[in-house]
Amino acid sequence: MSLDLGGPAIEIAIALAFVFFVLSLLVTELTELVAGIFKLRAGSLKQGLKGMLEDPKLVENLLDHPLIKTDLRTTRKRWQRKQEPSYIAPRNFAKVMRDLVQNEPGMDLSKAAPGLARQLRALSGATSAALPEEKALERWFDDAMDRVSGWYKRKAKWISLGIAAVVVAGLNVSALRVADHLSAEPTVRAAVVAKAEAAASKGKGGGEKDLEEAGRNMENAVKDLEDLHLPIFWAAPNVPEWTVTDVGLTIAGWAVTIFAVSLGAPFWFDALGRLSNLRMAGKKPERKAVADP
């Protein structure tokens, strides 16, 4: 038994990957919006610095240093919140630490918190808390920020999963219903596959630049989803009947979609490229008509 790589099964897979890709991009944008509103990156950075330096005053002085602070406004309205940095270059961290210790009144490393003093002794090789060379400070900061990055990614993953659930339920996107519709409607399937392969052809390498370029082209694709006549949104034909079977299938379809979207846009962009190449490789060559002798 051989699998027809140019047949309906691979086309349905491509069309579903396209839908998941578009939804993943939407969820990613919303996740970044939520992270920006609640300043998750800046909050994670500040939390990491407090754990690293164990001195709230030192953290505040560091974040307010001209080489680091991002809020350059001389005056701020009452309703305007202070803008705190969400990223610090390791080189700037090292230079600011040295500047604060050497020039900031009251910055006495001999009175540093026990945890900070122990870290500085280990980094500098001195018997007392002393500021190590800048390269050592940069490596120390890099190691700490790797852990902070892990915290942020875990937070963002949970936020993204919650947003995916809201988006999928709000748009009523059931992977099971969409797959069934694609199987029954070859014309619709062909239209979605054409858009999917157009998106995949924007980048052959599957890298970040390819994904970004494809993402820009997806802005119109989200608007076009309804024009593809897929059974999504809360239009009358797509509203589940209030029976145990239909509601159960709808929830199961949502769950499959939410899981798929949680894999992220890069995953589905790469999948689109692979599936499209597989389909093209599996197409049977057209037979040319042979004239009768």
Protein backbone atom coordinates (compact mmCIF):
# COMPACT_ATOMS: atom_id res chain seq x y z
CA MET A 1 0.00 0.00 0.00
CA SER A 2 1.47 3.33 -1.05
CA LEU A 3 0.59 6.80 0.21
CA ASP A 4 -0.41 9.29 -2.48
CA LEU A 5 1.62 12.36 -1.51
CA GLY A 6 -0.22 14.40 -4.10
CA GLY A 7 -3.66 13.34 -2.85
CA PRO A 8 -6.29 14.80 -0.49
CA ALA A 9 -4.62 13.65 2.75
CA ILE A 10 -1.47 15.74 2.24
CA GLU A 11 -3.57 18.68 1.04
CA ILE A 12 -5.72 18.55 4.19
CA ALA A 13 -2.53 18.48 6.28
CA ILE A 14 -1.17 21.55 4.45
CA ALA A 15 -4.46 23.43 4.83
CA LEU A 16 -4.65 22.65 8.57
CA ALA A 17 -1.01 23.69 9.03
CA PHE A 18 -1.85 26.98 7.33
CA VAL A 19 -4.80 27.61 9.67
CA PHE A 20 -2.66 26.76 12.71
CA PHE A 21 0.10 29.05 11.43
CA VAL A 22 -2.23 32.01 11.03
CA LEU A 23 -3.74 31.46 14.48
CA SER A 24 -0.25 31.07 16.00
CA LEU A 25 0.81 34.43 14.58
CA LEU A 26 -2.30 36.05 16.02
CA VAL A 27 -1.65 34.48 19.44
CA THR A 28 2.00 35.56 19.33
CA GLU A 29 1.02 39.18 18.63
CA LEU A 30 -1.54 39.15 21.46
CA THR A 31 0.98 37.58 23.85
CA GLU A 32 3.50 40.33 23.07
CA LEU A 33 0.77 42.92 23.61
CA VAL A 34 -0.13 41.50 27.02
CA ALA A 35 3.56 41.24 27.95
CA GLY A 36 4.02 44.89 27.00
CA ILE A 37 0.97 46.10 28.93
CA PHE A 38 2.02 44.29 32.10
CA LYS A 39 5.75 44.95 31.53
CA LEU A 40 6.62 41.29 31.94
CA ARG A 41 10.08 41.61 30.40
CA ALA A 42 11.01 44.61 32.56
CA GLY A 43 9.52 42.94 35.63
CA SER A 44 11.43 39.71 35.03
CA LEU A 45 14.68 41.67 34.51
CA LYS A 46 14.20 43.61 37.75
CA GLN A 47 13.31 40.45 39.68
CA GLY A 48 16.42 38.76 38.33
CA LEU A 49 18.65 41.70 39.30
CA LYS A 50 17.25 41.71 42.83
CA GLY A 51 18.02 38.02 43.19
CA MET A 52 21.47 38.52 41.69
CA LEU A 53 22.59 41.62 43.61
CA GLU A 54 20.53 41.16 46.81
CA ASP A 55 20.50 44.94 47.30
CA PRO A 56 17.32 46.84 46.29
CA LYS A 57 19.10 50.21 46.43
CA LEU A 58 21.89 48.99 44.16
CA VAL A 59 19.29 47.65 41.70
CA GLU A 60 17.45 50.98 41.62
CA ASN A 61 20.69 52.92 41.14
CA LEU A 62 21.72 50.58 38.34
CA LEU A 63 18.38 50.88 36.52
CA ASP A 64 18.42 54.68 36.87
CA HIS A 65 21.94 55.03 35.47
CA PRO A 66 22.05 57.03 32.19
CA LEU A 67 23.70 54.12 30.36
CA ILE A 68 20.78 51.84 31.21
CA LYS A 69 17.55 53.75 31.83
CA THR A 70 15.09 53.93 28.95
CA ASP A 71 12.78 56.62 30.33
CA LEU A 72 14.38 59.78 28.93
CA ARG A 73 11.46 62.12 29.67
CA THR A 74 12.37 65.11 31.83
CA THR A 75 8.78 65.43 33.02
CA ARG A 76 6.07 62.81 33.31
CA LYS A 77 2.32 63.21 33.63
CA ARG A 78 0.64 61.69 36.66
CA TRP A 79 -1.02 59.05 34.53
CA GLN A 80 2.22 58.14 32.75
CA ARG A 81 4.07 55.19 34.24
CA LYS A 82 7.82 55.08 34.57
CA GLN A 83 9.43 53.18 31.70
CA GLU A 84 11.90 50.63 33.02
CA PRO A 85 14.41 48.79 30.82
CA SER A 86 13.51 45.33 29.60
CA TYR A 87 17.05 44.58 28.38
CA ILE A 88 20.55 45.50 29.52
CA ALA A 89 23.66 44.92 27.43
CA PRO A 90 26.25 42.92 29.45
CA ARG A 91 28.93 45.51 28.61
CA ASN A 92 26.77 48.32 29.98
CA PHE A 93 26.02 46.32 33.14
CA ALA A 94 29.74 45.87 33.80
CA LYS A 95 30.56 49.54 33.18
CA VAL A 96 27.68 50.79 35.33
CA MET A 97 28.60 48.46 38.21
CA ARG A 98 32.15 49.78 38.14
CA ASP A 99 30.92 53.38 37.96
CA LEU A 100 28.52 52.93 40.87
CA VAL A 101 31.09 51.26 43.12
CA GLN A 102 33.77 53.85 42.36
CA ASN A 103 31.69 57.04 42.28
CA GLU A 104 28.32 56.52 43.99
CA PRO A 105 28.28 57.76 47.63
CA GLY A 106 27.50 55.00 50.10
CA MET A 107 28.44 52.14 47.76
CA ASP A 108 30.70 50.12 50.07
CA LEU A 109 31.29 46.55 48.96
CA SER A 110 32.58 45.66 52.43
CA LYS A 111 28.98 46.10 53.60
CA ALA A 112 27.46 44.20 50.68
CA ALA A 113 24.80 41.57 51.29
CA PRO A 114 26.30 38.18 52.19
CA GLY A 115 25.20 36.55 48.95
CA LEU A 116 26.54 39.38 46.80
CA ALA A 117 29.83 39.54 48.72
CA ARG A 118 30.33 35.81 48.27
CA GLN A 119 29.67 36.05 44.53
CA LEU A 120 32.11 38.94 44.15
CA ARG A 121 34.83 37.08 46.07
CA ALA A 122 34.38 34.06 43.81
CA LEU A 123 34.48 36.20 40.66
CA SER A 124 37.46 38.34 41.66
CA GLY A 125 39.48 35.68 43.50
CA ALA A 126 39.99 38.13 46.35
CA THR A 127 39.61 37.33 50.05
CA SER A 128 37.11 40.18 50.49
CA ALA A 129 34.28 41.56 48.38
CA ALA A 130 36.00 43.29 45.47
CA LEU A 131 34.76 44.24 42.03
CA PRO A 132 36.14 41.81 39.41
CA GLU A 133 37.28 42.82 35.93
CA GLU A 134 34.63 43.84 33.40
CA LYS A 135 34.78 40.57 31.40
CA ALA A 136 34.02 38.59 34.54
CA LEU A 137 31.13 40.93 35.34
CA GLU A 138 29.76 40.44 31.82
CA ARG A 139 29.90 36.64 32.10
CA TRP A 140 28.28 36.80 35.55
CA PHE A 141 25.46 38.93 34.17
CA ASP A 142 25.03 36.70 31.10
CA ASP A 143 24.66 33.60 33.27
CA ALA A 144 22.09 35.29 35.49
CA MET A 145 20.09 36.57 32.50
CA ASP A 146 19.97 33.07 31.01
CA ARG A 147 17.99 32.04 34.08
CA VAL A 148 15.81 35.15 33.86
CA SER A 149 15.11 34.37 30.20
CA GLY A 150 13.94 30.92 31.27
CA TRP A 151 11.52 32.46 33.80
CA TYR A 152 10.10 34.80 31.19
CA LYS A 153 9.66 32.06 28.60
CA ARG A 154 7.75 29.91 31.08
CA LYS A 155 5.48 32.84 31.98
CA ALA A 156 4.97 33.72 28.32
CA LYS A 157 4.17 30.07 27.51
CA TRP A 158 1.33 29.97 30.03
CA ILE A 159 0.03 33.35 28.89
CA SER A 160 0.20 32.21 25.27
CA LEU A 161 -1.71 29.03 26.12
CA GLY A 162 -4.45 31.05 27.83
CA ILE A 163 -4.69 33.46 24.91
CA ALA A 164 -4.78 30.52 22.47
CA ALA A 165 -7.77 29.08 24.36
CA VAL A 166 -9.60 32.41 24.21
CA VAL A 167 -8.81 32.93 20.51
CA VAL A 168 -9.76 29.40 19.48
CA ALA A 169 -13.04 29.45 21.41
CA GLY A 170 -13.77 33.05 20.38
CA LEU A 171 -13.28 32.27 16.70
CA ASN A 172 -14.83 28.80 17.07
CA VAL A 173 -11.98 27.01 15.31
CA SER A 174 -12.38 23.25 15.65
CA ALA A 175 -9.62 21.31 13.92
CA LEU A 176 -11.94 18.31 13.58
CA ARG A 177 -14.69 20.32 11.88
CA VAL A 178 -12.22 22.10 9.59
CA ALA A 179 -10.59 18.80 8.58
CA ASP A 180 -13.98 17.24 7.83
CA HIS A 181 -14.98 20.26 5.75
CA LEU A 182 -11.72 20.21 3.80
CA SER A 183 -12.20 16.54 3.08
CA ALA A 184 -15.70 17.12 1.70
CA GLU A 185 -14.97 20.32 -0.26
CA PRO A 186 -12.13 19.93 -2.80
CA THR A 187 -12.58 23.49 -4.10
CA VAL A 188 -12.18 25.01 -0.64
CA ARG A 189 -9.25 22.71 0.05
CA ALA A 190 -7.51 23.77 -3.14
CA ALA A 191 -7.97 27.47 -2.30
CA VAL A 192 -6.50 27.07 1.20
CA VAL A 193 -3.60 24.95 -0.10
CA ALA A 194 -2.80 27.62 -2.70
CA LYS A 195 -2.56 30.29 0.02
CA ALA A 196 -0.55 27.95 2.24
CA GLU A 197 2.00 27.18 -0.44
CA ALA A 198 2.27 30.88 -1.32
CA ALA A 199 3.14 31.58 2.32
CA ALA A 200 5.63 28.70 2.45
CA SER A 201 7.35 29.85 -0.75
CA LYS A 202 8.19 33.23 0.84
CA GLY A 203 11.10 31.61 2.65
CA LYS A 204 12.97 28.44 1.86
CA GLY A 205 15.20 28.33 4.91
CA GLY A 206 12.60 28.50 7.66
CA GLY A 207 14.71 31.04 9.57
CA GLU A 208 13.54 34.01 11.61
CA LYS A 209 13.73 36.40 8.64
CA ASP A 210 11.63 34.03 6.55
CA LEU A 211 9.09 33.75 9.34
CA GLU A 212 8.96 37.52 9.77
CA GLU A 213 8.42 38.02 6.05
CA ALA A 214 5.70 35.39 5.96
CA GLY A 215 4.13 36.99 9.03
CA ARG A 216 3.79 40.30 7.25
CA ASN A 217 1.99 38.53 4.43
CA MET A 218 -0.31 36.84 6.94
CA GLU A 219 -1.90 40.15 7.94
CA ASN A 220 -4.25 39.86 4.98
CA ALA A 221 -4.52 36.09 5.34
CA VAL A 222 -6.26 36.44 8.70
CA LYS A 223 -8.85 38.67 7.05
CA ASP A 224 -9.19 36.20 4.19
CA LEU A 225 -9.92 33.17 6.36
CA GLU A 226 -13.65 33.85 6.25
CA ASP A 227 -13.52 34.18 2.45
CA LEU A 228 -12.08 30.66 2.26
CA HIS A 229 -15.45 29.33 3.45
CA LEU A 230 -13.97 27.34 6.31
CA PRO A 231 -16.37 26.33 9.09
CA ILE A 232 -15.02 28.78 11.62
CA PHE A 233 -16.44 31.82 13.47
CA TRP A 234 -19.83 31.75 15.16
CA ALA A 235 -21.92 31.86 11.98
CA ALA A 236 -25.16 29.88 12.10
CA PRO A 237 -23.95 26.73 10.27
CA ASN A 238 -20.95 26.39 12.58
CA VAL A 239 -22.73 26.74 15.92
CA PRO A 240 -22.81 23.29 17.57
CA GLU A 241 -26.12 21.75 18.42
CA TRP A 242 -26.75 21.37 22.14
CA THR A 243 -26.30 17.63 22.18
CA VAL A 244 -23.71 15.73 24.18
CA THR A 245 -22.09 14.36 21.03
CA ASP A 246 -21.89 17.66 19.13
CA VAL A 247 -20.70 19.70 22.11
CA GLY A 248 -18.16 16.99 22.96
CA LEU A 249 -16.80 16.97 19.41
CA THR A 250 -16.59 20.78 19.38
CA ILE A 251 -14.66 20.87 22.66
CA ALA A 252 -12.36 18.09 21.41
CA GLY A 253 -11.79 20.05 18.19
CA TRP A 254 -10.98 23.19 20.18
CA ALA A 255 -8.54 21.22 22.36
CA VAL A 256 -6.71 19.89 19.29
CA THR A 257 -6.50 23.42 17.85
CA ILE A 258 -5.27 24.94 21.12
CA PHE A 259 -2.55 22.30 21.40
CA ALA A 260 -1.54 22.85 17.78
CA VAL A 261 -1.42 26.64 18.17
CA SER A 262 0.67 26.27 21.35
CA LEU A 263 3.45 24.75 19.23
CA GLY A 264 4.07 28.24 17.83
CA ALA A 265 4.27 29.98 14.47
CA PRO A 266 7.89 28.89 13.72
CA PHE A 267 6.87 25.23 14.04
CA TRP A 268 3.94 25.60 11.62
CA PHE A 269 5.91 27.75 9.19
CA ASP A 270 8.53 25.02 8.99
CA ALA A 271 5.78 22.38 8.69
CA LEU A 272 4.19 24.29 5.81
CA GLY A 273 7.46 24.29 3.90
CA ARG A 274 8.10 20.60 4.51
CA LEU A 275 4.55 19.52 3.63
CA SER A 276 4.52 21.67 0.48
CA ASN A 277 7.82 20.17 -0.69
CA LEU A 278 6.52 16.69 0.10
CA ARG A 279 3.37 17.31 -1.92
CA MET A 280 5.33 18.60 -4.92
CA ALA A 281 7.66 15.60 -4.76
CA GLY A 282 4.69 13.25 -4.64
CA LYS A 283 2.83 14.65 -7.64
CA LYS A 284 2.62 12.26 -10.52
CA PRO A 285 4.05 13.61 -13.79
CA GLU A 286 1.46 14.36 -16.42
CA ARG A 287 1.35 11.92 -19.29
CA LYS A 288 1.88 13.42 -22.67
CA ALA A 289 -0.42 12.30 -25.43
CA VAL A 290 1.31 10.04 -27.92
CA ALA A 291 0.25 10.40 -31.53
CA ASP A 292 -0.84 7.26 -33.27
CA PRO A 293 1.69 6.08 -35.85
